[in-house]
Amino acid sequence: LLHVAGALSDNLRESDMLGRLGGDEFGVILSHTD
């Protein structure tokens, strides 16, 4: 889980948001992205 969080975080912009939704689920908000 820590590995996944790191991989996602390293590839996001400051304007995006990463969160753990529970268990093995993660969410990413991509701002200004269609």
All heavy atoms as atom14 arrays in JSON, in Angstrom:
{
  "sequence": "LLHVAGALSDNLRESDMLGRLGGDEFGVILSHTD",
  "atom14_mask": [
    [1, 1, 1, 1, 1, 1, 1, 1, 0, 0, 0, 0, 0, 0],
    [1, 1, 1, 1, 1, 1, 1, 1, 0, 0, 0, 0, 0, 0],
    [1, 1, 1, 1, 1, 1, 1, 1, 1, 1, 0, 0, 0, 0],
    [1, 1, 1, 1, 1, 1, 1, 0, 0, 0, 0, 0, 0, 0],
    [1, 1, 1, 1, 1, 0, 0, 0, 0, 0, 0, 0, 0, 0],
    [1, 1, 1, 1, 0, 0, 0, 0, 0, 0, 0, 0, 0, 0],
    [1, 1, 1, 1, 1, 0, 0, 0, 0, 0, 0, 0, 0, 0],
    [1, 1, 1, 1, 1, 1, 1, 1, 0, 0, 0, 0, 0, 0],
    [1, 1, 1, 1, 1, 1, 0, 0, 0, 0, 0, 0, 0, 0],
    [1, 1, 1, 1, 1, 1, 1, 1, 0, 0, 0, 0, 0, 0],
    [1, 1, 1, 1, 1, 1, 1, 1, 0, 0, 0, 0, 0, 0],
    [1, 1, 1, 1, 1, 1, 1, 1, 0, 0, 0, 0, 0, 0],
    [1, 1, 1, 1, 1, 1, 1, 1, 1, 1, 1, 0, 0, 0],
    [1, 1, 1, 1, 1, 1, 1, 1, 1, 0, 0, 0, 0, 0],
    [1, 1, 1, 1, 1, 1, 0, 0, 0, 0, 0, 0, 0, 0],
    [1, 1, 1, 1, 1, 1, 1, 1, 0, 0, 0, 0, 0, 0],
    [1, 1, 1, 1, 1, 1, 1, 1, 0, 0, 0, 0, 0, 0],
    [1, 1, 1, 1, 1, 1, 1, 1, 0, 0, 0, 0, 0, 0],
    [1, 1, 1, 1, 0, 0, 0, 0, 0, 0, 0, 0, 0, 0],
    [1, 1, 1, 1, 1, 1, 1, 1, 1, 1, 1, 0, 0, 0],
    [1, 1, 1, 1, 1, 1, 1, 1, 0, 0, 0, 0, 0, 0],
    [1, 1, 1, 1, 0, 0, 0, 0, 0, 0, 0, 0, 0, 0],
    [1, 1, 1, 1, 0, 0, 0, 0, 0, 0, 0, 0, 0, 0],
    [1, 1, 1, 1, 1, 1, 1, 1, 0, 0, 0, 0, 0, 0],
    [1, 1, 1, 1, 1, 1, 1, 1, 1, 0, 0, 0, 0, 0],
    [1, 1, 1, 1, 1, 1, 1, 1, 1, 1, 1, 0, 0, 0],
    [1, 1, 1, 1, 0, 0, 0, 0, 0, 0, 0, 0, 0, 0],
    [1, 1, 1, 1, 1, 1, 1, 0, 0, 0, 0, 0, 0, 0],
    [1, 1, 1, 1, 1, 1, 1, 1, 0, 0, 0, 0, 0, 0],
    [1, 1, 1, 1, 1, 1, 1, 1, 0, 0, 0, 0, 0, 0],
    [1, 1, 1, 1, 1, 1, 0, 0, 0, 0, 0, 0, 0, 0],
    [1, 1, 1, 1, 1, 1, 1, 1, 1, 1, 0, 0, 0, 0],
    [1, 1, 1, 1, 1, 1, 1, 0, 0, 0, 0, 0, 0, 0],
    [1, 1, 1, 1, 1, 1, 1, 1, 0, 0, 0, 0, 0, 0]
  ],
  "atom14_positions": [
    [[0.83, -1.21, 0.0], [0.0, 0.0, 0.0], [0.87, 1.26, 0.0], [0.57, 2.23, -0.71], [-0.92, 0.0, 1.22], [-2.0, -1.09, 1.25], [-2.73, -1.07, 2.58], [-2.98, -0.92, 0.09], [0.0, 0.0, 0.0], [0.0, 0.0, 0.0], [0.0, 0.0, 0.0], [0.0, 0.0, 0.0], [0.0, 0.0, 0.0], [0.0, 0.0, 0.0]],
    [[1.93, 1.24, 0.77], [2.87, 2.37, 0.79], [3.54, 2.55, -0.56], [3.76, 3.67, -1.02], [3.91, 2.17, 1.89], [3.4, 2.31, 3.33], [4.41, 1.74, 4.32], [3.12, 3.77, 3.65], [0.0, 0.0, 0.0], [0.0, 0.0, 0.0], [0.0, 0.0, 0.0], [0.0, 0.0, 0.0], [0.0, 0.0, 0.0], [0.0, 0.0, 0.0]],
    [[3.88, 1.43, -1.2], [4.49, 1.45, -2.53], [3.54, 2.11, -3.53], [3.95, 2.97, -4.33], [4.8, 0.02, -2.96], [5.17, -0.11, -4.42], [6.46, 0.01, -4.87], [4.41, -0.36, -5.52], [6.49, -0.15, -6.19], [5.25, -0.37, -6.6], [0.0, 0.0, 0.0], [0.0, 0.0, 0.0], [0.0, 0.0, 0.0], [0.0, 0.0, 0.0]],
    [[2.29, 1.72, -3.5], [1.3, 2.26, -4.44], [1.1, 3.75, -4.2], [1.08, 4.55, -5.15], [-0.04, 1.51, -4.29], [-1.14, 2.2, -5.1], [0.11, 0.07, -4.76], [0.0, 0.0, 0.0], [0.0, 0.0, 0.0], [0.0, 0.0, 0.0], [0.0, 0.0, 0.0], [0.0, 0.0, 0.0], [0.0, 0.0, 0.0], [0.0, 0.0, 0.0]],
    [[0.97, 4.15, -2.94], [0.79, 5.56, -2.63], [1.98, 6.39, -3.12], [1.8, 7.49, -3.67], [0.61, 5.74, -1.12], [0.0, 0.0, 0.0], [0.0, 0.0, 0.0], [0.0, 0.0, 0.0], [0.0, 0.0, 0.0], [0.0, 0.0, 0.0], [0.0, 0.0, 0.0], [0.0, 0.0, 0.0], [0.0, 0.0, 0.0], [0.0, 0.0, 0.0]],
    [[3.18, 5.86, -2.95], [4.37, 6.56, -3.42], [4.42, 6.68, -4.92], [4.75, 7.74, -5.47], [0.0, 0.0, 0.0], [0.0, 0.0, 0.0], [0.0, 0.0, 0.0], [0.0, 0.0, 0.0], [0.0, 0.0, 0.0], [0.0, 0.0, 0.0], [0.0, 0.0, 0.0], [0.0, 0.0, 0.0], [0.0, 0.0, 0.0], [0.0, 0.0, 0.0]],
    [[4.07, 5.6, -5.62], [4.09, 5.61, -7.09], [3.08, 6.61, -7.64], [3.37, 7.34, -8.6], [3.78, 4.21, -7.62], [0.0, 0.0, 0.0], [0.0, 0.0, 0.0], [0.0, 0.0, 0.0], [0.0, 0.0, 0.0], [0.0, 0.0, 0.0], [0.0, 0.0, 0.0], [0.0, 0.0, 0.0], [0.0, 0.0, 0.0], [0.0, 0.0, 0.0]],
    [[1.9, 6.67, -7.03], [0.88, 7.61, -7.49], [1.28, 9.05, -7.17], [1.2, 9.93, -8.03], [-0.46, 7.28, -6.83], [-1.1, 5.95, -7.23], [-2.35, 5.68, -6.4], [-1.46, 5.95, -8.73], [0.0, 0.0, 0.0], [0.0, 0.0, 0.0], [0.0, 0.0, 0.0], [0.0, 0.0, 0.0], [0.0, 0.0, 0.0], [0.0, 0.0, 0.0]],
    [[1.72, 9.27, -5.95], [2.09, 10.61, -5.52], [3.21, 11.21, -6.36], [3.2, 12.4, -6.68], [2.49, 10.59, -4.04], [2.83, 11.86, -3.58], [0.0, 0.0, 0.0], [0.0, 0.0, 0.0], [0.0, 0.0, 0.0], [0.0, 0.0, 0.0], [0.0, 0.0, 0.0], [0.0, 0.0, 0.0], [0.0, 0.0, 0.0], [0.0, 0.0, 0.0]],
    [[4.18, 10.38, -6.73], [5.33, 10.85, -7.5], [4.95, 11.27, -8.92], [5.76, 11.91, -9.61], [6.4, 9.76, -7.58], [7.11, 9.55, -6.25], [6.99, 10.42, -5.37], [7.79, 8.52, -6.1], [0.0, 0.0, 0.0], [0.0, 0.0, 0.0], [0.0, 0.0, 0.0], [0.0, 0.0, 0.0], [0.0, 0.0, 0.0], [0.0, 0.0, 0.0]],
    [[3.76, 10.9, -9.36], [3.37, 11.17, -10.74], [2.15, 12.1, -10.85], [1.45, 12.08, -11.87], [3.09, 9.85, -11.46], [4.34, 9.05, -11.74], [5.02, 9.28, -12.74], [4.67, 8.12, -10.85], [0.0, 0.0, 0.0], [0.0, 0.0, 0.0], [0.0, 0.0, 0.0], [0.0, 0.0, 0.0], [0.0, 0.0, 0.0], [0.0, 0.0, 0.0]],
    [[1.92, 12.88, -9.79], [0.81, 13.82, -9.79], [1.31, 15.25, -9.71], [2.41, 15.52, -9.22], [-0.13, 13.53, -8.61], [-0.87, 12.2, -8.66], [-1.67, 12.0, -7.38], [-1.79, 12.13, -9.87], [0.0, 0.0, 0.0], [0.0, 0.0, 0.0], [0.0, 0.0, 0.0], [0.0, 0.0, 0.0], [0.0, 0.0, 0.0], [0.0, 0.0, 0.0]],
    [[0.47, 16.18, -10.16], [0.77, 17.6, -10.03], [0.37, 18.08, -8.64], [-0.39, 17.42, -7.93], [-0.03, 18.38, -11.08], [0.21, 17.97, -12.52], [-0.86, 18.56, -13.43], [-2.18, 18.06, -13.07], [-3.31, 18.41, -13.7], [-3.26, 19.28, -14.7], [-4.48, 17.91, -13.32], [0.0, 0.0, 0.0], [0.0, 0.0, 0.0], [0.0, 0.0, 0.0]],
    [[0.87, 19.24, -8.27], [0.5, 19.82, -6.98], [-0.99, 20.13, -6.92], [-1.59, 20.12, -5.84], [1.31, 21.1, -6.73], [2.77, 20.84, -6.39], [3.49, 22.11, -5.96], [2.8, 23.14, -5.78], [4.72, 22.06, -5.79], [0.0, 0.0, 0.0], [0.0, 0.0, 0.0], [0.0, 0.0, 0.0], [0.0, 0.0, 0.0], [0.0, 0.0, 0.0]],
    [[-1.61, 20.4, -8.05], [-3.02, 20.73, -8.09], [-3.93, 19.51, -7.99], [-5.14, 19.63, -7.81], [-3.35, 21.49, -9.39], [-3.0, 20.71, -10.53], [0.0, 0.0, 0.0], [0.0, 0.0, 0.0], [0.0, 0.0, 0.0], [0.0, 0.0, 0.0], [0.0, 0.0, 0.0], [0.0, 0.0, 0.0], [0.0, 0.0, 0.0], [0.0, 0.0, 0.0]],
    [[-3.36, 18.31, -8.12], [-4.13, 17.08, -8.0], [-4.18, 16.64, -6.55], [-3.46, 17.16, -5.7], [-3.49, 15.97, -8.86], [-3.42, 16.33, -10.33], [-4.32, 17.05, -10.8], [-2.47, 15.9, -11.0], [0.0, 0.0, 0.0], [0.0, 0.0, 0.0], [0.0, 0.0, 0.0], [0.0, 0.0, 0.0], [0.0, 0.0, 0.0], [0.0, 0.0, 0.0]],
    [[-5.03, 15.67, -6.26], [-5.13, 15.17, -4.88], [-5.23, 13.66, -4.89], [-6.02, 13.07, -5.63], [-6.33, 15.76, -4.16], [-6.46, 15.29, -2.71], [-7.83, 16.08, -1.86], [-7.66, 15.38, -0.21], [0.0, 0.0, 0.0], [0.0, 0.0, 0.0], [0.0, 0.0, 0.0], [0.0, 0.0, 0.0], [0.0, 0.0, 0.0], [0.0, 0.0, 0.0]],
    [[-4.44, 13.03, -4.04], [-4.44, 11.58, -3.85], [-5.01, 11.26, -2.49], [-4.7, 11.93, -1.49], [-3.0, 11.04, -3.96], [-2.76, 9.59, -3.52], [-3.49, 8.62, -4.44], [-1.27, 9.29, -3.49], [0.0, 0.0, 0.0], [0.0, 0.0, 0.0], [0.0, 0.0, 0.0], [0.0, 0.0, 0.0], [0.0, 0.0, 0.0], [0.0, 0.0, 0.0]],
    [[-5.84, 10.23, -2.41], [-6.38, 9.81, -1.13], [-6.56, 8.31, -1.08], [-6.71, 7.66, -2.12], [0.0, 0.0, 0.0], [0.0, 0.0, 0.0], [0.0, 0.0, 0.0], [0.0, 0.0, 0.0], [0.0, 0.0, 0.0], [0.0, 0.0, 0.0], [0.0, 0.0, 0.0], [0.0, 0.0, 0.0], [0.0, 0.0, 0.0], [0.0, 0.0, 0.0]],
    [[-6.51, 7.76, 0.12], [-6.81, 6.35, 0.3], [-8.28, 6.24, 0.71], [-8.7, 6.81, 1.72], [-5.92, 5.72, 1.37], [-6.13, 4.21, 1.5], [-5.28, 3.62, 2.61], [-5.55, 2.19, 2.79], [-5.28, 1.53, 3.9], [-4.71, 2.15, 4.93], [-5.56, 0.25, 4.01], [0.0, 0.0, 0.0], [0.0, 0.0, 0.0], [0.0, 0.0, 0.0]],
    [[-9.03, 5.51, -0.08], [-10.48, 5.43, 0.12], [-10.87, 4.3, 1.05], [-12.03, 4.2, 1.45], [-11.18, 5.28, -1.23], [-10.82, 6.37, -2.25], [-11.56, 6.14, -3.55], [-11.11, 7.75, -1.69], [0.0, 0.0, 0.0], [0.0, 0.0, 0.0], [0.0, 0.0, 0.0], [0.0, 0.0, 0.0], [0.0, 0.0, 0.0], [0.0, 0.0, 0.0]],
    [[-9.9, 3.46, 1.4], [-10.16, 2.34, 2.3], [-9.62, 1.05, 1.72], [-9.66, 0.84, 0.51], [0.0, 0.0, 0.0], [0.0, 0.0, 0.0], [0.0, 0.0, 0.0], [0.0, 0.0, 0.0], [0.0, 0.0, 0.0], [0.0, 0.0, 0.0], [0.0, 0.0, 0.0], [0.0, 0.0, 0.0], [0.0, 0.0, 0.0], [0.0, 0.0, 0.0]],
    [[-9.11, 0.17, 2.58], [-8.58, -1.11, 2.1], [-7.52, -0.92, 1.05], [-6.5, -0.26, 1.28], [0.0, 0.0, 0.0], [0.0, 0.0, 0.0], [0.0, 0.0, 0.0], [0.0, 0.0, 0.0], [0.0, 0.0, 0.0], [0.0, 0.0, 0.0], [0.0, 0.0, 0.0], [0.0, 0.0, 0.0], [0.0, 0.0, 0.0], [0.0, 0.0, 0.0]],
    [[-7.75, -1.5, -0.12], [-6.77, -1.41, -1.22], [-7.26, -0.48, -2.32], [-6.92, -0.66, -3.48], [-6.48, -2.8, -1.78], [-7.73, -3.48, -2.33], [-8.84, -2.98, -2.06], [-7.6, -4.51, -3.03], [0.0, 0.0, 0.0], [0.0, 0.0, 0.0], [0.0, 0.0, 0.0], [0.0, 0.0, 0.0], [0.0, 0.0, 0.0], [0.0, 0.0, 0.0]],
    [[-8.05, 0.51, -1.96], [-8.62, 1.44, -2.93], [-8.05, 2.84, -2.74], [-7.94, 3.34, -1.62], [-10.14, 1.47, -2.81], [-10.78, 0.11, -3.1], [-12.27, 0.11, -2.82], [-12.74, 1.0, -2.08], [-12.97, -0.78, -3.34], [0.0, 0.0, 0.0], [0.0, 0.0, 0.0], [0.0, 0.0, 0.0], [0.0, 0.0, 0.0], [0.0, 0.0, 0.0]],
    [[-7.7, 3.47, -3.86], [-7.16, 4.82, -3.86], [-7.93, 5.68, -4.86], [-8.45, 5.17, -5.85], [-5.68, 4.82, -4.27], [-4.76, 4.13, -3.28], [-4.62, 2.76, -3.27], [-4.04, 4.88, -2.36], [-3.78, 2.13, -2.35], [-3.2, 4.27, -1.44], [-3.07, 2.89, -1.44], [0.0, 0.0, 0.0], [0.0, 0.0, 0.0], [0.0, 0.0, 0.0]],
    [[-7.98, 6.96, -4.58], [-8.63, 7.9, -5.49], [-7.69, 9.03, -5.85], [-6.85, 9.43, -5.04], [0.0, 0.0, 0.0], [0.0, 0.0, 0.0], [0.0, 0.0, 0.0], [0.0, 0.0, 0.0], [0.0, 0.0, 0.0], [0.0, 0.0, 0.0], [0.0, 0.0, 0.0], [0.0, 0.0, 0.0], [0.0, 0.0, 0.0], [0.0, 0.0, 0.0]],
    [[-7.83, 9.54, -7.06], [-7.04, 10.68, -7.52], [-7.98, 11.69, -8.16], [-8.75, 11.36, -9.07], [-5.97, 10.26, -8.55], [-5.27, 11.49, -9.12], [-4.96, 9.32, -7.92], [0.0, 0.0, 0.0], [0.0, 0.0, 0.0], [0.0, 0.0, 0.0], [0.0, 0.0, 0.0], [0.0, 0.0, 0.0], [0.0, 0.0, 0.0], [0.0, 0.0, 0.0]],
    [[-7.95, 12.92, -7.67], [-8.69, 14.02, -8.29], [-7.72, 14.74, -9.23], [-6.67, 15.23, -8.8], [-9.22, 15.0, -7.23], [-10.21, 14.31, -6.29], [-9.89, 16.2, -7.92], [-10.64, 15.15, -5.11], [0.0, 0.0, 0.0], [0.0, 0.0, 0.0], [0.0, 0.0, 0.0], [0.0, 0.0, 0.0], [0.0, 0.0, 0.0], [0.0, 0.0, 0.0]],
    [[-8.08, 14.77, -10.5], [-7.26, 15.44, -11.52], [-7.94, 16.76, -11.87], [-8.98, 16.78, -12.55], [-7.13, 14.56, -12.77], [-6.46, 13.19, -12.57], [-6.58, 12.36, -13.84], [-5.0, 13.36, -12.18], [0.0, 0.0, 0.0], [0.0, 0.0, 0.0], [0.0, 0.0, 0.0], [0.0, 0.0, 0.0], [0.0, 0.0, 0.0], [0.0, 0.0, 0.0]],
    [[-7.39, 17.86, -11.39], [-8.0, 19.15, -11.63], [-7.77, 19.6, -13.07], [-6.76, 19.28, -13.68], [-7.43, 20.19, -10.66], [-6.05, 20.37, -10.88], [0.0, 0.0, 0.0], [0.0, 0.0, 0.0], [0.0, 0.0, 0.0], [0.0, 0.0, 0.0], [0.0, 0.0, 0.0], [0.0, 0.0, 0.0], [0.0, 0.0, 0.0], [0.0, 0.0, 0.0]],
    [[-8.75, 20.32, -13.61], [-8.67, 20.86, -14.98], [-8.28, 19.76, -15.98], [-7.4, 19.94, -16.81], [-7.68, 22.02, -15.03], [-8.02, 23.14, -14.1], [-9.04, 24.04, -14.33], [-7.51, 23.48, -12.89], [-9.12, 24.9, -13.34], [-8.22, 24.58, -12.44], [0.0, 0.0, 0.0], [0.0, 0.0, 0.0], [0.0, 0.0, 0.0], [0.0, 0.0, 0.0]],
    [[-8.95, 18.62, -15.87], [-8.63, 17.46, -16.7], [-9.92, 16.86, -17.24], [-10.8, 16.47, -16.46], [-7.87, 16.39, -15.89], [-6.71, 16.99, -15.31], [-7.47, 15.22, -16.75], [0.0, 0.0, 0.0], [0.0, 0.0, 0.0], [0.0, 0.0, 0.0], [0.0, 0.0, 0.0], [0.0, 0.0, 0.0], [0.0, 0.0, 0.0], [0.0, 0.0, 0.0]],
    [[-10.06, 16.79, -18.57], [-11.28, 16.22, -19.15], [-11.16, 14.7, -19.25], [-10.15, 14.1, -18.83], [-11.57, 16.85, -20.52], [-10.48, 16.59, -21.56], [-9.75, 15.58, -21.44], [-10.37, 17.4, -22.51], [0.0, 0.0, 0.0], [0.0, 0.0, 0.0], [0.0, 0.0, 0.0], [0.0, 0.0, 0.0], [0.0, 0.0, 0.0], [0.0, 0.0, 0.0]]
  ]
}
